[in-house]
Amino acid sequence: MHYLIFGAGAVGNFIGGRLALSGQQVTFLARPRITATFRKNGLRIVDQTSHDLLANPNVVDRLQQAFSSPPPEVIILTVKTYDVETAAEQIIDHALTPLPILCFTNGVGSEALLSEKLIDFPIIPATLTTAVQLTPEGVVQIERERGVGIAETHPIVDSLVLDFIQSGNAVRRYQDERRMKWSKLLTNIVSNASSAILGWPPNRIFQHPKLHRIEVEALRETICLMRKIGVRPQNLPGVPITLLSAGIFLPPWLTQSILGRIVSRGRGEKLPSFHYDIGRGRSEIHHLNGAVVKEGNRVGLPTPANRFLTDTMLTIVRDADQHKFLRNHPEEFLNRAAQAGIPGIQGYNP
């Protein structure tokens, strides 16, 4: 099958690279810098024990080139959520006929937007739980191998699953796309905003006697919201979401220990994705913590922790100068959290 990777970042390069290495035809749509790196060095995917090289990836930097003969049969969308609408408009302008779009974006809401913009295009929700990072040299670093989730929304899923398995990924199929996407959201919000706001690695957040409570409350709010809207947490490849959703309501001292170990294994010293949004004027937090706030407002469920994290993160996204008041200042961060009414933070005394 001929795949178009729309968004050649860490996720897109990992997925597309593995598919290409397994013999599939893959075209990468990339920014000029990535295109130049590909053409000079190829695409490398490495972990602690292996080093795979796709020597001559088929890469273009204009969508018109990607849809020239032969056109792709499937689009794999791996852009940031704030670029989804623009991507949809570009696809409309260049795709000659509707074709399936496998959507790997984070958070919730992207698939609905795509369906609204691309009326006749089959939209297939997907998730990646394998942790990957793109180095400054353009190398895809696999940090923790887990797998891929694909929703059962189209007959082509049978072929997609086979291709992904043959490319070396563990794959799980999901009947309920909402459960899959909301469960993935839980993994994305853990210590993402707090870590970016403070400039601390995630494991340091959970070593602090009070900061971890903000994370716990944000997760509790999200799980309570999921229950209210009828979306039960679901295990994802390599991630026991159902255990997390039950354990998050244990006593705080115990959740600190459990979540701390999970975060250390998963992210540890790595700065989160939100860190790179500071001062850029846009962030995926709208589709993560912000989605919890939006849905909570719709159903009448308070979400003070997620609202606080969303509002605080957006402050420094829009104005990097504001970051100096919070970076490495947990006391100020916690005082603001207490004022926001987050349970377990009131009366904080540094």
Protein backbone atom coordinates (compact mmCIF):
# COMPACT_ATOMS: atom_id res chain seq x y z
CA MET A 1 0.00 0.00 0.00
CA HIS A 2 1.15 3.56 -0.66
CA TYR A 3 1.13 5.70 2.47
CA LEU A 4 1.54 9.46 2.77
CA ILE A 5 3.02 10.60 6.08
CA PHE A 6 1.50 14.05 6.61
CA GLY A 7 3.65 15.52 9.38
CA ALA A 8 7.21 14.20 9.41
CA GLY A 9 8.04 14.67 13.08
CA ALA A 10 8.98 12.02 15.61
CA VAL A 11 5.71 10.07 15.34
CA GLY A 12 5.37 10.37 11.56
CA ASN A 13 8.98 9.43 10.90
CA PHE A 14 8.77 6.46 13.25
CA ILE A 15 5.56 5.10 11.72
CA GLY A 16 6.53 5.85 8.13
CA GLY A 17 10.08 4.64 8.58
CA ARG A 18 8.99 1.27 9.90
CA LEU A 19 6.42 0.85 7.14
CA ALA A 20 8.99 1.71 4.47
CA LEU A 21 11.61 -0.60 5.97
CA SER A 22 9.08 -3.44 5.84
CA GLY A 23 8.57 -2.92 2.10
CA GLN A 24 5.60 -0.56 1.94
CA GLN A 25 5.63 2.44 -0.38
CA VAL A 26 5.84 5.57 1.80
CA THR A 27 6.01 9.26 0.92
CA PHE A 28 6.99 11.72 3.65
CA LEU A 29 5.64 15.28 3.56
CA ALA A 30 8.19 17.27 5.57
CA ARG A 31 9.41 20.77 6.24
CA PRO A 32 12.45 21.86 4.21
CA ARG A 33 14.87 21.26 7.12
CA ILE A 34 13.71 17.67 7.60
CA THR A 35 13.67 17.13 3.84
CA ALA A 36 17.31 18.23 3.60
CA THR A 37 18.28 15.94 6.51
CA PHE A 38 16.51 12.96 4.92
CA ARG A 39 18.24 13.50 1.60
CA LYS A 40 21.64 13.87 3.23
CA ASN A 41 21.53 11.22 5.96
CA GLY A 42 18.48 9.06 5.28
CA LEU A 43 16.03 8.20 8.05
CA ARG A 44 17.45 6.47 11.10
CA ILE A 45 15.40 4.69 13.78
CA VAL A 46 17.35 3.57 16.81
CA ASP A 47 16.86 2.10 20.26
CA GLN A 48 19.25 0.63 22.81
CA THR A 49 19.87 -2.53 20.80
CA SER A 50 19.18 -1.75 17.13
CA HIS A 51 19.88 0.83 14.44
CA ASP A 52 17.76 0.82 11.27
CA LEU A 53 18.51 3.01 8.27
CA LEU A 54 16.14 3.93 5.47
CA ALA A 55 18.81 5.18 3.11
CA ASN A 56 16.68 6.94 0.49
CA PRO A 57 13.28 7.91 1.89
CA ASN A 58 10.82 9.33 -0.61
CA VAL A 59 10.40 12.83 0.84
CA VAL A 60 8.69 15.94 -0.54
CA ASP A 61 8.15 19.38 0.92
CA ARG A 62 5.01 20.30 -1.05
CA LEU A 63 1.69 18.49 -0.92
CA GLN A 64 1.24 18.85 -4.68
CA GLN A 65 4.29 16.63 -5.14
CA ALA A 66 2.88 14.05 -2.73
CA PHE A 67 -0.27 13.67 -4.82
CA SER A 68 1.52 13.32 -8.14
CA SER A 69 1.61 9.93 -9.83
CA PRO A 70 1.28 7.52 -8.17
CA PRO A 71 -1.00 9.15 -5.55
CA PRO A 72 -1.17 7.75 -2.01
CA GLU A 73 -3.82 5.25 -0.99
CA VAL A 74 -3.84 6.21 2.72
CA ILE A 75 -2.90 9.42 4.52
CA ILE A 76 -1.31 8.98 7.96
CA LEU A 77 -1.90 12.27 9.77
CA THR A 78 0.67 12.99 12.49
CA VAL A 79 0.59 16.79 12.74
CA LYS A 80 0.04 18.72 15.96
CA THR A 81 -3.63 19.21 16.79
CA TYR A 82 -3.46 22.95 16.11
CA ASP A 83 -2.44 22.16 12.51
CA VAL A 84 -5.29 19.74 11.79
CA GLU A 85 -7.64 22.31 10.27
CA THR A 86 -4.93 23.63 7.94
CA ALA A 87 -4.00 20.08 6.98
CA ALA A 88 -7.64 19.32 6.15
CA GLU A 89 -7.88 22.38 3.91
CA GLN A 90 -4.69 21.41 2.09
CA ILE A 91 -5.92 17.86 1.56
CA ILE A 92 -9.16 19.15 0.06
CA ASP A 93 -7.18 21.29 -2.38
CA HIS A 94 -4.93 18.47 -3.60
CA ALA A 95 -6.62 15.08 -3.20
CA LEU A 96 -8.33 14.08 -6.44
CA THR A 97 -10.61 11.56 -4.72
CA PRO A 98 -11.46 10.86 -1.05
CA LEU A 99 -9.08 8.44 0.63
CA PRO A 100 -8.77 7.04 4.17
CA ILE A 101 -7.02 9.18 6.78
CA LEU A 102 -5.41 7.39 9.72
CA CYS A 103 -5.38 10.05 12.44
CA PHE A 104 -2.65 9.77 15.10
CA THR A 105 -3.17 13.21 16.65
CA ASN A 106 -3.21 13.61 20.44
CA GLY A 107 -6.23 14.56 22.50
CA VAL A 108 -9.85 14.56 21.41
CA GLY A 109 -11.61 16.55 18.74
CA SER A 110 -9.35 16.16 15.70
CA GLU A 111 -11.40 13.38 14.14
CA ALA A 112 -14.62 15.39 14.46
CA LEU A 113 -12.97 18.38 12.79
CA LEU A 114 -11.63 16.21 9.98
CA SER A 115 -15.04 14.64 9.42
CA GLU A 116 -16.60 18.09 9.24
CA LYS A 117 -14.03 19.39 6.74
CA LEU A 118 -13.46 16.19 4.73
CA ILE A 119 -17.02 14.93 4.41
CA ASP A 120 -16.40 11.99 2.08
CA PHE A 121 -13.03 10.93 3.53
CA PRO A 122 -13.04 7.92 5.90
CA ILE A 123 -11.46 9.08 9.16
CA ILE A 124 -9.82 6.29 11.18
CA PRO A 125 -8.74 7.23 14.75
CA ALA A 126 -5.43 5.78 15.91
CA THR A 127 -3.03 6.06 18.84
CA LEU A 128 0.66 5.46 19.35
CA THR A 129 1.83 4.55 22.84
CA THR A 130 5.42 3.77 21.83
CA ALA A 131 7.48 6.70 23.15
CA VAL A 132 9.66 8.25 20.44
CA GLN A 133 11.77 11.38 20.17
CA LEU A 134 13.29 13.17 17.18
CA THR A 135 16.86 14.27 17.88
CA PRO A 136 18.29 17.54 16.48
CA GLU A 137 20.14 15.39 13.93
CA GLY A 138 16.83 13.99 12.63
CA VAL A 139 17.23 10.54 14.22
CA VAL A 140 14.13 8.83 15.63
CA GLN A 141 14.98 7.56 19.12
CA ILE A 142 12.69 4.84 20.50
CA GLU A 143 12.50 5.44 24.23
CA ARG A 144 9.94 2.80 25.17
CA GLU A 145 8.36 0.27 22.81
CA ARG A 146 4.64 -0.26 23.35
CA GLY A 147 2.39 -0.34 20.30
CA VAL A 148 -0.36 1.05 18.07
CA GLY A 149 -4.13 1.24 18.51
CA ILE A 150 -6.47 1.47 15.51
CA ALA A 151 -10.23 1.97 15.62
CA GLU A 152 -12.50 -0.42 13.72
CA THR A 153 -14.21 2.23 11.58
CA HIS A 154 -13.50 1.11 8.00
CA PRO A 155 -12.95 -2.14 6.04
CA ILE A 156 -9.39 -1.05 5.16
CA VAL A 157 -8.43 -1.51 8.82
CA ASP A 158 -7.72 -5.20 8.13
CA SER A 159 -5.00 -4.23 5.66
CA LEU A 160 -3.68 -1.45 7.89
CA VAL A 161 -3.31 -3.77 10.87
CA LEU A 162 -1.47 -6.34 8.77
CA ASP A 163 0.95 -3.72 7.43
CA PHE A 164 1.63 -2.33 10.90
CA ILE A 165 2.25 -5.79 12.34
CA GLN A 166 4.60 -6.67 9.49
CA SER A 167 6.49 -3.42 10.15
CA GLY A 168 7.27 -4.54 13.71
CA ASN A 169 4.53 -2.87 15.74
CA ALA A 170 2.29 -4.48 18.34
CA VAL A 171 -1.25 -3.58 17.22
CA ARG A 172 -4.58 -3.61 19.01
CA ARG A 173 -7.94 -2.99 17.38
CA TYR A 174 -10.64 -1.00 19.16
CA GLN A 175 -14.39 -1.07 18.67
CA ASP A 176 -15.01 2.15 20.59
CA GLU A 177 -12.90 5.00 19.25
CA ARG A 178 -13.97 7.39 22.03
CA ARG A 179 -12.73 5.04 24.73
CA MET A 180 -9.43 4.66 22.91
CA LYS A 181 -8.88 8.40 22.41
CA TRP A 182 -9.96 9.48 25.90
CA SER A 183 -7.80 6.75 27.44
CA LYS A 184 -4.82 8.01 25.42
CA LEU A 185 -5.57 11.55 26.65
CA LEU A 186 -4.99 10.32 30.20
CA THR A 187 -1.44 9.32 29.31
CA ASN A 188 -0.75 12.63 27.55
CA ILE A 189 -1.73 14.92 30.41
CA VAL A 190 0.37 13.28 33.13
CA SER A 191 2.93 15.88 34.31
CA ASN A 192 2.92 17.52 30.88
CA ALA A 193 1.72 21.02 31.75
CA SER A 194 3.23 21.17 35.25
CA SER A 195 6.60 20.05 33.98
CA ALA A 196 6.63 22.63 31.18
CA ILE A 197 5.45 25.45 33.45
CA LEU A 198 8.09 24.80 36.10
CA GLY A 199 10.83 23.76 33.68
CA TRP A 200 11.30 20.57 35.68
CA PRO A 201 11.50 16.99 34.38
CA PRO A 202 8.39 14.90 35.15
CA ASN A 203 10.00 12.69 37.79
CA ARG A 204 10.93 15.77 39.83
CA ILE A 205 7.26 16.82 39.89
CA PHE A 206 6.33 13.56 41.61
CA GLN A 207 9.18 13.79 44.08
CA HIS A 208 7.76 17.06 45.44
CA PRO A 209 5.45 16.71 48.47
CA LYS A 210 2.73 18.95 47.00
CA LEU A 211 3.15 19.29 43.24
CA HIS A 212 2.03 15.74 42.60
CA ARG A 213 -1.42 16.63 44.01
CA ILE A 214 -2.13 18.87 41.03
CA GLU A 215 -1.38 15.95 38.71
CA VAL A 216 -3.52 13.57 40.75
CA GLU A 217 -6.48 15.96 40.78
CA ALA A 218 -6.24 16.58 37.02
CA LEU A 219 -6.36 12.83 36.40
CA ARG A 220 -9.21 12.32 38.87
CA GLU A 221 -11.25 15.05 37.18
CA THR A 222 -10.65 13.47 33.78
CA ILE A 223 -11.67 10.00 34.90
CA CYS A 224 -14.79 11.35 36.65
CA LEU A 225 -15.67 13.21 33.47
CA MET A 226 -15.20 10.08 31.38
CA ARG A 227 -17.57 8.21 33.67
CA LYS A 228 -20.14 11.00 33.42
CA ILE A 229 -20.12 11.02 29.62
CA GLY A 230 -20.20 7.22 29.44
CA VAL A 231 -16.62 6.58 28.33
CA ARG A 232 -14.90 3.84 30.34
CA PRO A 233 -11.09 3.87 30.55
CA GLN A 234 -9.50 1.19 28.39
CA ASN A 235 -6.08 -0.41 28.32
CA LEU A 236 -3.83 0.68 25.46
CA PRO A 237 -0.87 -1.25 24.02
CA GLY A 238 1.67 -1.46 26.82
CA VAL A 239 -0.28 0.92 29.08
CA PRO A 240 -2.62 -0.44 31.83
CA ILE A 241 -5.10 2.44 31.80
CA THR A 242 -7.72 0.57 33.84
CA LEU A 243 -5.25 0.12 36.71
CA LEU A 244 -4.34 3.81 36.53
CA SER A 245 -8.00 4.84 36.58
CA ALA A 246 -8.61 2.78 39.71
CA GLY A 247 -5.34 3.57 41.47
CA ILE A 248 -5.67 7.33 41.06
CA PHE A 249 -8.36 7.35 43.78
CA LEU A 250 -6.08 5.73 46.39
CA PRO A 251 -4.72 7.90 49.25
CA PRO A 252 -2.47 10.70 47.95
CA TRP A 253 0.75 9.36 49.49
CA LEU A 254 0.20 6.10 47.65
CA THR A 255 -0.71 7.69 44.32
CA GLN A 256 2.46 9.79 44.56
CA SER A 257 4.56 6.64 44.86
CA ILE A 258 2.75 4.68 42.15
CA LEU A 259 2.56 7.49 39.62
CA GLY A 260 6.12 8.51 40.38
CA ARG A 261 7.40 5.07 39.38
CA ILE A 262 5.26 5.05 36.22
CA VAL A 263 6.45 8.50 35.17
CA SER A 264 10.09 7.67 35.89
CA ARG A 265 9.88 4.64 33.60
CA GLY A 266 8.03 6.51 30.88
CA ARG A 267 9.28 10.11 30.77
CA GLY A 268 11.68 10.51 33.69
CA GLU A 269 14.19 13.25 32.88
CA LYS A 270 12.71 14.11 29.47
CA LEU A 271 11.05 17.51 29.16
CA PRO A 272 7.44 17.17 27.96
CA SER A 273 5.99 18.14 24.58
CA PHE A 274 4.37 21.26 26.08
CA HIS A 275 7.83 22.60 26.89
CA TYR A 276 8.32 23.39 23.21
CA ASP A 277 5.05 25.37 23.05
CA ILE A 278 6.27 28.15 25.35
CA GLY A 279 6.21 31.48 23.54
CA ARG A 280 4.96 29.92 20.28
CA GLY A 281 1.44 31.29 20.59
CA ARG A 282 -0.26 27.93 20.21
CA SER A 283 -0.39 24.64 22.06
CA GLU A 284 -1.99 21.22 22.00
CA ILE A 285 -3.24 21.80 25.54
CA HIS A 286 -6.54 22.96 24.02
CA HIS A 287 -7.17 19.35 22.96
CA LEU A 288 -5.87 17.76 26.17
CA ASN A 289 -6.46 19.47 29.53
CA GLY A 290 -8.52 22.07 27.68
CA ALA A 291 -10.75 19.37 26.22
CA VAL A 292 -11.47 18.15 29.76
CA VAL A 293 -12.46 21.69 30.77
CA LYS A 294 -14.66 22.15 27.70
CA GLU A 295 -16.47 18.84 28.15
CA GLY A 296 -16.79 19.44 31.89
CA ASN A 297 -18.51 22.76 31.19
CA ARG A 298 -20.88 21.02 28.79
CA VAL A 299 -22.01 18.43 31.35
CA GLY A 300 -21.76 20.63 34.46
CA LEU A 301 -18.73 18.96 36.07
CA PRO A 302 -16.14 21.24 37.74
CA THR A 303 -12.56 20.69 36.56
CA PRO A 304 -10.45 23.21 38.53
CA ALA A 305 -7.11 21.40 38.17
CA ASN A 306 -7.39 21.03 34.40
CA ARG A 307 -8.65 24.59 34.09
CA PHE A 308 -5.73 25.90 36.15
CA LEU A 309 -3.18 23.96 34.12
CA THR A 310 -4.76 25.04 30.84
CA ASP A 311 -4.98 28.73 31.75
CA THR A 312 -1.49 28.84 33.25
CA MET A 313 0.06 27.03 30.32
CA LEU A 314 -1.65 29.31 27.81
CA THR A 315 -0.28 32.36 29.65
CA ILE A 316 3.30 31.33 28.94
CA VAL A 317 2.48 29.98 25.48
CA ARG A 318 1.28 33.45 24.50
CA ASP A 319 3.96 35.38 26.38
CA ALA A 320 7.28 33.68 27.13
CA ASP A 321 8.28 36.56 29.43
CA GLN A 322 5.63 35.37 31.91
CA HIS A 323 7.49 32.09 32.28
CA LYS A 324 10.11 33.70 34.53
CA PHE A 325 7.52 34.09 37.32
CA LEU A 326 6.86 30.33 37.40
CA ARG A 327 9.94 28.58 36.07
CA ASN A 328 11.73 26.99 39.05
CA HIS A 329 9.20 28.66 41.41
CA PRO A 330 7.05 25.85 42.83
CA GLU A 331 5.87 28.04 45.73
CA GLU A 332 4.30 30.57 43.35
CA PHE A 333 2.84 27.78 41.22
CA LEU A 334 1.28 26.10 44.26
CA ASN A 335 -0.06 29.35 45.67
CA ARG A 336 -1.81 30.02 42.38
CA ALA A 337 -3.13 26.47 42.38
CA ALA A 338 -4.54 26.98 45.88
CA GLN A 339 -6.26 30.17 44.74
CA ALA A 340 -7.76 28.19 41.84
CA GLY A 341 -9.45 25.91 44.36
CA ILE A 342 -7.68 22.65 43.57
CA PRO A 343 -8.36 20.07 46.32
CA GLY A 344 -5.38 19.20 48.49
CA ILE A 345 -3.52 22.43 47.69
CA GLN A 346 -5.40 24.89 49.93
CA GLY A 347 -3.32 26.30 52.72
CA TYR A 348 -0.03 25.36 51.12
CA ASN A 349 2.88 26.62 53.20
CA PRO A 350 6.31 26.31 51.57
